[in-house]
Amino acid sequence: MEIIGHRGAAGVELENTIESIKAAIEIGVKYIEIDVRETFDNQLVVFHDPYLERVSHEKGFIKEVTYEKLQKIRLHNGSSIPLLAEILPLIKNKNIKLIVEAKTDTSVLLAKALLLKKLDYTQFIIGSFFHENIRKIKEENPRIQTAIMLEGVPVLFSDYLQKVNPDFVVTSIETLNDSLEKVTKNQKRKLIFYTVNTEVEMQIAAKMKPFGIITNYPNLFIQKEN
């Protein structure tokens, strides 16, 4: 079972920062999950929320601010908001895969274009809650690894999964159930649970024998897996 760093290693360093990505690499994970969304001038930044307040002292929406202005904002750890393009060299030529969750419909396609330019197919997975663009990406280029993010199980899940055709199904630990596991594995797709941060959650997830779990604390779980 793969231990996947959530937003880098969000329990070790501030989420989605260069420091957090470097921490996950140092811990020794083989998979790192990050979030991306676009700025006013369509630059892809590594950031989870649509607004700035939770991780900085500033207010406002990412989509309404240019990247030039975002660069001047300091997060709670003193660092700036990184571009996706700044993160990619950190993992290039390493035995690490990046799970890039696109937080908006349009950022799915922007992320695909940038990742194809900068990384080998084998080093990234594009995921999103916006499944239609994930379906299109897989249809247009089957070599690209894709993921759908779920908070609940869609009606007629087996048919839905065949239609969207992702390589990975990434679902909340709260959504875990026998039907979801059975359908996903019967179709030879890989199941990942998020966000697994406690020993109890790990035990629950492990019973389903998923491909991996996403955690804020890869430093705690990777030692036990090894």
Protein backbone atom coordinates (compact mmCIF):
# COMPACT_ATOMS: atom_id res chain seq x y z
CA MET A 1 0.00 0.00 0.00
CA GLU A 2 1.43 3.35 -1.06
CA ILE A 3 1.71 6.16 1.47
CA ILE A 4 0.85 9.35 -0.43
CA GLY A 5 1.78 12.78 0.90
CA HIS A 6 -1.24 15.09 1.13
CA ARG A 7 -0.50 18.55 -0.28
CA GLY A 8 3.13 17.57 0.12
CA ALA A 9 3.40 16.66 3.78
CA ALA A 10 0.74 18.98 5.20
CA GLY A 11 1.18 17.80 8.78
CA VAL A 12 4.90 18.54 8.68
CA GLU A 13 5.09 21.81 6.70
CA LEU A 14 2.45 24.24 5.48
CA GLU A 15 0.38 22.58 2.76
CA ASN A 16 1.12 23.01 -0.95
CA THR A 17 4.35 24.92 -0.39
CA ILE A 18 7.79 24.12 -1.73
CA GLU A 19 8.79 23.31 1.86
CA SER A 20 5.96 20.79 2.13
CA ILE A 21 6.88 19.11 -1.17
CA LYS A 22 10.53 18.89 -0.12
CA ALA A 23 9.51 17.41 3.24
CA ALA A 24 7.50 14.68 1.51
CA ILE A 25 10.45 13.88 -0.76
CA GLU A 26 12.80 13.70 2.23
CA ILE A 27 10.39 11.39 4.08
CA GLY A 28 10.63 9.01 1.15
CA VAL A 29 7.17 8.87 -0.40
CA LYS A 30 6.76 7.69 -3.98
CA TYR A 31 3.55 9.66 -4.54
CA ILE A 32 2.77 13.29 -3.67
CA GLU A 33 -0.67 14.88 -4.02
CA ILE A 34 -0.99 18.62 -4.66
CA ASP A 35 -3.79 21.00 -5.66
CA VAL A 36 -3.76 23.50 -8.51
CA ARG A 37 -6.00 26.36 -9.58
CA GLU A 38 -5.61 29.27 -11.98
CA THR A 39 -5.01 32.94 -11.26
CA PHE A 40 -6.68 35.89 -12.97
CA ASP A 41 -4.03 35.72 -15.70
CA ASN A 42 -4.35 31.93 -16.08
CA GLN A 43 -1.18 30.94 -14.26
CA LEU A 44 -1.42 27.61 -12.45
CA VAL A 45 -0.56 27.93 -8.77
CA VAL A 46 -0.32 25.22 -6.15
CA PHE A 47 -3.15 26.12 -3.79
CA HIS A 48 -6.18 24.33 -2.36
CA ASP A 49 -8.82 26.90 -1.41
CA PRO A 50 -10.50 29.35 -3.80
CA TYR A 51 -9.73 32.13 -1.31
CA LEU A 52 -6.58 33.25 0.53
CA GLU A 53 -7.74 33.62 4.14
CA ARG A 54 -7.03 30.19 5.64
CA VAL A 55 -3.29 30.06 4.98
CA SER A 56 -2.43 33.76 4.80
CA HIS A 57 -3.42 37.05 6.41
CA GLU A 58 -4.79 38.35 3.11
CA LYS A 59 -8.34 38.19 1.78
CA GLY A 60 -9.58 37.60 -1.73
CA PHE A 61 -10.03 34.92 -4.36
CA ILE A 62 -7.13 33.36 -6.28
CA LYS A 63 -9.07 33.64 -9.54
CA GLU A 64 -9.38 37.42 -9.11
CA VAL A 65 -5.67 38.11 -8.50
CA THR A 66 -2.78 38.13 -10.99
CA TYR A 67 0.20 35.94 -10.26
CA GLU A 68 2.41 39.03 -9.98
CA LYS A 69 0.29 40.22 -7.05
CA LEU A 70 0.07 36.74 -5.53
CA GLN A 71 3.87 36.53 -5.44
CA LYS A 72 3.93 39.41 -2.96
CA ILE A 73 1.60 37.65 -0.51
CA ARG A 74 3.24 35.71 2.29
CA LEU A 75 1.67 32.58 3.70
CA HIS A 76 1.64 31.78 7.42
CA ASN A 77 5.06 30.12 7.18
CA GLY A 78 6.57 33.12 5.38
CA SER A 79 6.78 31.50 1.96
CA SER A 80 5.05 32.51 -1.26
CA ILE A 81 2.47 30.63 -3.32
CA PRO A 82 4.37 28.46 -5.83
CA LEU A 83 3.58 27.97 -9.47
CA LEU A 84 3.01 24.38 -10.58
CA ALA A 85 5.98 24.93 -12.90
CA GLU A 86 8.19 25.56 -9.84
CA ILE A 87 7.21 22.25 -8.25
CA LEU A 88 7.88 20.01 -11.23
CA PRO A 89 11.71 20.27 -11.18
CA LEU A 90 11.66 19.01 -7.58
CA ILE A 91 10.44 15.59 -8.69
CA LYS A 92 11.79 15.39 -12.24
CA ASN A 93 14.11 12.40 -12.72
CA LYS A 94 13.19 11.07 -9.26
CA ASN A 95 11.22 7.92 -8.51
CA ILE A 96 8.23 10.03 -7.46
CA LYS A 97 4.82 10.50 -9.06
CA LEU A 98 2.77 13.66 -8.70
CA ILE A 99 -1.00 13.43 -8.25
CA VAL A 100 -2.21 16.82 -9.44
CA GLU A 101 -5.76 17.61 -8.35
CA ALA A 102 -7.22 20.36 -10.52
CA LYS A 103 -9.59 22.39 -8.35
CA THR A 104 -11.54 24.00 -11.19
CA ASP A 105 -12.98 22.79 -14.47
CA THR A 106 -10.65 24.93 -16.58
CA SER A 107 -7.51 24.12 -14.57
CA VAL A 108 -7.81 20.44 -15.55
CA LEU A 109 -6.86 21.22 -19.15
CA LEU A 110 -4.27 23.85 -18.19
CA ALA A 111 -2.58 21.31 -15.93
CA LYS A 112 -2.57 18.66 -18.64
CA ALA A 113 -0.83 20.98 -21.11
CA LEU A 114 1.87 22.02 -18.64
CA LEU A 115 2.53 18.53 -17.30
CA LEU A 116 2.93 17.09 -20.79
CA LYS A 117 5.59 19.72 -21.54
CA LYS A 118 7.58 19.25 -18.35
CA LEU A 119 7.29 15.61 -17.22
CA ASP A 120 7.24 12.11 -18.63
CA TYR A 121 3.84 10.42 -18.80
CA THR A 122 4.88 8.04 -16.05
CA GLN A 123 5.51 10.81 -13.51
CA PHE A 124 2.10 12.41 -13.15
CA ILE A 125 -1.56 11.66 -12.62
CA ILE A 126 -4.24 14.29 -13.34
CA GLY A 127 -7.25 14.15 -11.05
CA SER A 128 -10.32 16.24 -10.34
CA PHE A 129 -13.88 16.35 -9.08
CA PHE A 130 -14.68 17.67 -12.58
CA HIS A 131 -15.00 14.30 -14.26
CA GLU A 132 -16.04 15.32 -17.76
CA ASN A 133 -12.66 16.87 -18.53
CA ILE A 134 -10.95 13.85 -16.98
CA ARG A 135 -12.95 11.66 -19.37
CA LYS A 136 -11.93 13.84 -22.33
CA ILE A 137 -8.25 13.73 -21.39
CA LYS A 138 -8.27 9.92 -21.20
CA GLU A 139 -10.18 9.62 -24.45
CA GLU A 140 -7.80 11.94 -26.31
CA ASN A 141 -4.60 10.55 -24.82
CA PRO A 142 -4.93 7.11 -23.17
CA ARG A 143 -1.30 7.20 -22.02
CA ILE A 144 -2.07 9.95 -19.51
CA GLN A 145 -2.88 8.54 -16.08
CA THR A 146 -6.09 10.02 -14.69
CA ALA A 147 -8.02 10.00 -11.43
CA ILE A 148 -11.51 10.94 -10.36
CA MET A 149 -12.04 12.38 -6.90
CA LEU A 150 -15.22 11.37 -5.07
CA GLU A 151 -17.04 12.44 -1.93
CA GLY A 152 -19.94 10.08 -2.62
CA VAL A 153 -20.61 7.17 -4.96
CA PRO A 154 -22.38 8.11 -8.23
CA VAL A 155 -25.60 6.31 -9.19
CA LEU A 156 -24.92 3.29 -11.42
CA PHE A 157 -21.28 3.52 -10.40
CA SER A 158 -20.06 0.63 -12.54
CA ASP A 159 -21.41 2.19 -15.75
CA TYR A 160 -20.22 5.63 -14.70
CA LEU A 161 -16.70 4.37 -14.07
CA GLN A 162 -16.51 2.70 -17.46
CA LYS A 163 -17.64 5.92 -19.12
CA VAL A 164 -15.12 8.22 -17.39
CA ASN A 165 -12.42 5.51 -17.53
CA PRO A 166 -9.94 6.75 -14.89
CA ASP A 167 -6.89 4.81 -13.80
CA PHE A 168 -7.45 5.81 -10.17
CA VAL A 169 -10.50 6.32 -7.96
CA VAL A 170 -9.70 8.67 -5.08
CA THR A 171 -12.38 8.74 -2.43
CA SER A 172 -12.96 9.98 1.10
CA ILE A 173 -12.38 7.48 3.90
CA GLU A 174 -15.98 8.29 4.96
CA THR A 175 -17.25 7.05 1.57
CA LEU A 176 -15.55 3.69 1.94
CA ASN A 177 -17.92 0.77 1.30
CA ASP A 178 -17.83 -2.76 -0.10
CA SER A 179 -19.65 -1.85 -3.31
CA LEU A 180 -17.23 0.93 -4.23
CA GLU A 181 -14.26 -1.32 -3.55
CA LYS A 182 -15.69 -4.24 -5.52
CA VAL A 183 -16.63 -2.23 -8.61
CA THR A 184 -13.31 -0.36 -8.69
CA LYS A 185 -11.19 -3.48 -8.35
CA ASN A 186 -13.32 -5.55 -10.74
CA GLN A 187 -12.57 -2.94 -13.40
CA LYS A 188 -8.84 -3.14 -12.61
CA ARG A 189 -8.67 0.44 -11.37
CA LYS A 190 -6.62 1.59 -8.40
CA LEU A 191 -8.39 2.72 -5.22
CA ILE A 192 -6.98 5.50 -3.01
CA PHE A 193 -8.47 6.82 0.25
CA TYR A 194 -8.12 10.34 1.68
CA THR A 195 -7.40 11.79 4.23
CA VAL A 196 -6.05 9.07 6.54
CA ASN A 197 -4.39 10.72 9.53
CA THR A 198 -4.96 8.38 12.49
CA GLU A 199 -4.12 4.79 13.31
CA VAL A 200 -7.83 3.94 13.47
CA GLU A 201 -8.42 5.40 10.00
CA MET A 202 -5.42 3.49 8.69
CA GLN A 203 -6.78 0.20 10.06
CA ILE A 204 -10.18 0.84 8.44
CA ALA A 205 -8.61 1.72 5.09
CA ALA A 206 -6.15 -1.18 5.15
CA LYS A 207 -9.00 -3.71 5.37
CA MET A 208 -10.03 -2.69 1.86
CA LYS A 209 -6.49 -3.26 0.55
CA PRO A 210 -6.38 -0.04 -1.50
CA PHE A 211 -3.57 0.97 -3.80
CA GLY A 212 -2.75 3.76 -1.38
CA ILE A 213 -3.81 6.24 1.26
CA ILE A 214 -3.35 10.01 1.25
CA THR A 215 -2.15 11.43 4.56
CA ASN A 216 -0.93 14.67 6.11
CA TYR A 217 1.59 12.60 8.07
CA PRO A 218 3.51 10.37 5.66
CA ASN A 219 6.37 10.43 8.17
CA LEU A 220 4.27 8.40 10.63
CA PHE A 221 2.87 5.79 8.27
CA ILE A 222 5.73 5.22 5.85
CA GLN A 223 7.92 3.78 8.62
CA LYS A 224 5.25 1.20 9.48
CA GLU A 225 4.80 0.21 5.84
CA ASN A 226 8.53 -0.30 5.46
